[in-house]
Amino acid sequence: MKWRVVLEPDSETGDWAIWCPELPGCVSAGDTEEEAIENIQEAIELYLEPTPIQLAPGAIIREVSIG
């Protein structure tokens, strides 16, 4: 799957900030543009990794569609 990312150079340090607009809070950085891209790829994988959910007894899971 492809994700759009935004790279911004830091004029003071020369580092690169990078984030994925479609995944709020999914951000990273790197010393170079290439390193920043590698780091955001890992950040996206971790962001999308499912988190185990502890449910109360009798809880029901449903899926909903929007739109």
C-alpha atoms as a PDB file:
ATOM      1  CA  MET A   1       0.000   0.000   0.000  1.00  0.00           C
ATOM      2  CA  LYS A   2       1.251   3.484  -0.799  1.00  0.00           C
ATOM      3  CA  TRP A   3       1.059   6.388   1.627  1.00  0.00           C
ATOM      4  CA  ARG A   4       1.594  10.076   0.940  1.00  0.00           C
ATOM      5  CA  VAL A   5       4.273  11.639   3.175  1.00  0.00           C
ATOM      6  CA  VAL A   6       5.459  15.206   3.649  1.00  0.00           C
ATOM      7  CA  LEU A   7       9.161  16.012   4.068  1.00  0.00           C
ATOM      8  CA  GLU A   8      10.363  19.316   5.511  1.00  0.00           C
ATOM      9  CA  PRO A   9      13.990  20.340   5.984  1.00  0.00           C
ATOM     10  CA  ASP A  10      15.048  22.022   9.216  1.00  0.00           C
ATOM     11  CA  SER A  11      17.004  25.097   8.126  1.00  0.00           C
ATOM     12  CA  GLU A  12      18.952  25.217  11.419  1.00  0.00           C
ATOM     13  CA  THR A  13      20.024  21.561  11.747  1.00  0.00           C
ATOM     14  CA  GLY A  14      19.742  20.261   8.186  1.00  0.00           C
ATOM     15  CA  ASP A  15      17.631  17.324   9.473  1.00  0.00           C
ATOM     16  CA  TRP A  16      14.399  16.250   7.798  1.00  0.00           C
ATOM     17  CA  ALA A  17      10.983  16.060   9.468  1.00  0.00           C
ATOM     18  CA  ILE A  18       8.475  13.713   7.840  1.00  0.00           C
ATOM     19  CA  TRP A  19       4.862  12.790   8.480  1.00  0.00           C
ATOM     20  CA  CYS A  20       1.923  10.985   6.907  1.00  0.00           C
ATOM     21  CA  PRO A  21      -1.132  13.300   6.645  1.00  0.00           C
ATOM     22  CA  GLU A  22      -3.593  10.393   6.465  1.00  0.00           C
ATOM     23  CA  LEU A  23      -2.337   8.922   9.762  1.00  0.00           C
ATOM     24  CA  PRO A  24      -2.645  11.568  12.506  1.00  0.00           C
ATOM     25  CA  GLY A  25       0.361  11.579  14.805  1.00  0.00           C
ATOM     26  CA  CYS A  26       2.447   9.357  12.528  1.00  0.00           C
ATOM     27  CA  VAL A  27       5.658  11.382  12.360  1.00  0.00           C
ATOM     28  CA  SER A  28       9.388  10.787  12.193  1.00  0.00           C
ATOM     29  CA  ALA A  29      12.655  12.445  11.206  1.00  0.00           C
ATOM     30  CA  GLY A  30      16.101  11.707   9.848  1.00  0.00           C
ATOM     31  CA  ASP A  31      19.516  13.211   9.236  1.00  0.00           C
ATOM     32  CA  THR A  32      18.959  12.803   5.482  1.00  0.00           C
ATOM     33  CA  GLU A  33      15.901  12.624   3.243  1.00  0.00           C
ATOM     34  CA  GLU A  34      16.570   8.908   2.663  1.00  0.00           C
ATOM     35  CA  GLU A  35      16.860   8.186   6.398  1.00  0.00           C
ATOM     36  CA  ALA A  36      13.646  10.101   7.084  1.00  0.00           C
ATOM     37  CA  ILE A  37      11.805   8.021   4.462  1.00  0.00           C
ATOM     38  CA  GLU A  38      13.135   4.778   5.963  1.00  0.00           C
ATOM     39  CA  ASN A  39      12.075   5.966   9.422  1.00  0.00           C
ATOM     40  CA  ILE A  40       8.543   6.934   8.352  1.00  0.00           C
ATOM     41  CA  GLN A  41       8.113   3.538   6.677  1.00  0.00           C
ATOM     42  CA  GLU A  42       8.814   1.910  10.040  1.00  0.00           C
ATOM     43  CA  ALA A  43       6.572   4.429  11.824  1.00  0.00           C
ATOM     44  CA  ILE A  44       3.682   3.650   9.433  1.00  0.00           C
ATOM     45  CA  GLU A  45       4.112  -0.096   9.974  1.00  0.00           C
ATOM     46  CA  LEU A  46       4.006   0.402  13.754  1.00  0.00           C
ATOM     47  CA  TYR A  47       1.052   2.792  13.481  1.00  0.00           C
ATOM     48  CA  LEU A  48      -0.981   0.225  11.534  1.00  0.00           C
ATOM     49  CA  GLU A  49      -0.018  -2.722  13.751  1.00  0.00           C
ATOM     50  CA  PRO A  50      -3.128  -3.962  15.567  1.00  0.00           C
ATOM     51  CA  THR A  51      -3.234  -3.435  19.310  1.00  0.00           C
ATOM     52  CA  PRO A  52      -4.789  -6.172  21.451  1.00  0.00           C
ATOM     53  CA  ILE A  53      -8.059  -5.056  23.016  1.00  0.00           C
ATOM     54  CA  GLN A  54      -9.171  -6.157  26.478  1.00  0.00           C
ATOM     55  CA  LEU A  55     -12.951  -6.537  26.371  1.00  0.00           C
ATOM     56  CA  ALA A  56     -15.374  -6.785  29.239  1.00  0.00           C
ATOM     57  CA  PRO A  57     -17.330 -10.056  29.508  1.00  0.00           C
ATOM     58  CA  GLY A  58     -20.313  -9.967  27.160  1.00  0.00           C
ATOM     59  CA  ALA A  59     -18.832  -7.262  24.931  1.00  0.00           C
ATOM     60  CA  ILE A  60     -19.689  -7.536  21.246  1.00  0.00           C
ATOM     61  CA  ILE A  61     -17.468  -6.385  18.385  1.00  0.00           C
ATOM     62  CA  ARG A  62     -19.178  -4.950  15.287  1.00  0.00           C
ATOM     63  CA  GLU A  63     -17.904  -3.207  12.155  1.00  0.00           C
ATOM     64  CA  VAL A  64     -19.576  -0.105  10.733  1.00  0.00           C
ATOM     65  CA  SER A  65     -19.323   1.624   7.372  1.00  0.00           C
ATOM     66  CA  ILE A  66     -19.312   5.354   6.862  1.00  0.00           C
ATOM     67  CA  GLY A  67     -20.577   7.009   3.717  1.00  0.00           C
END
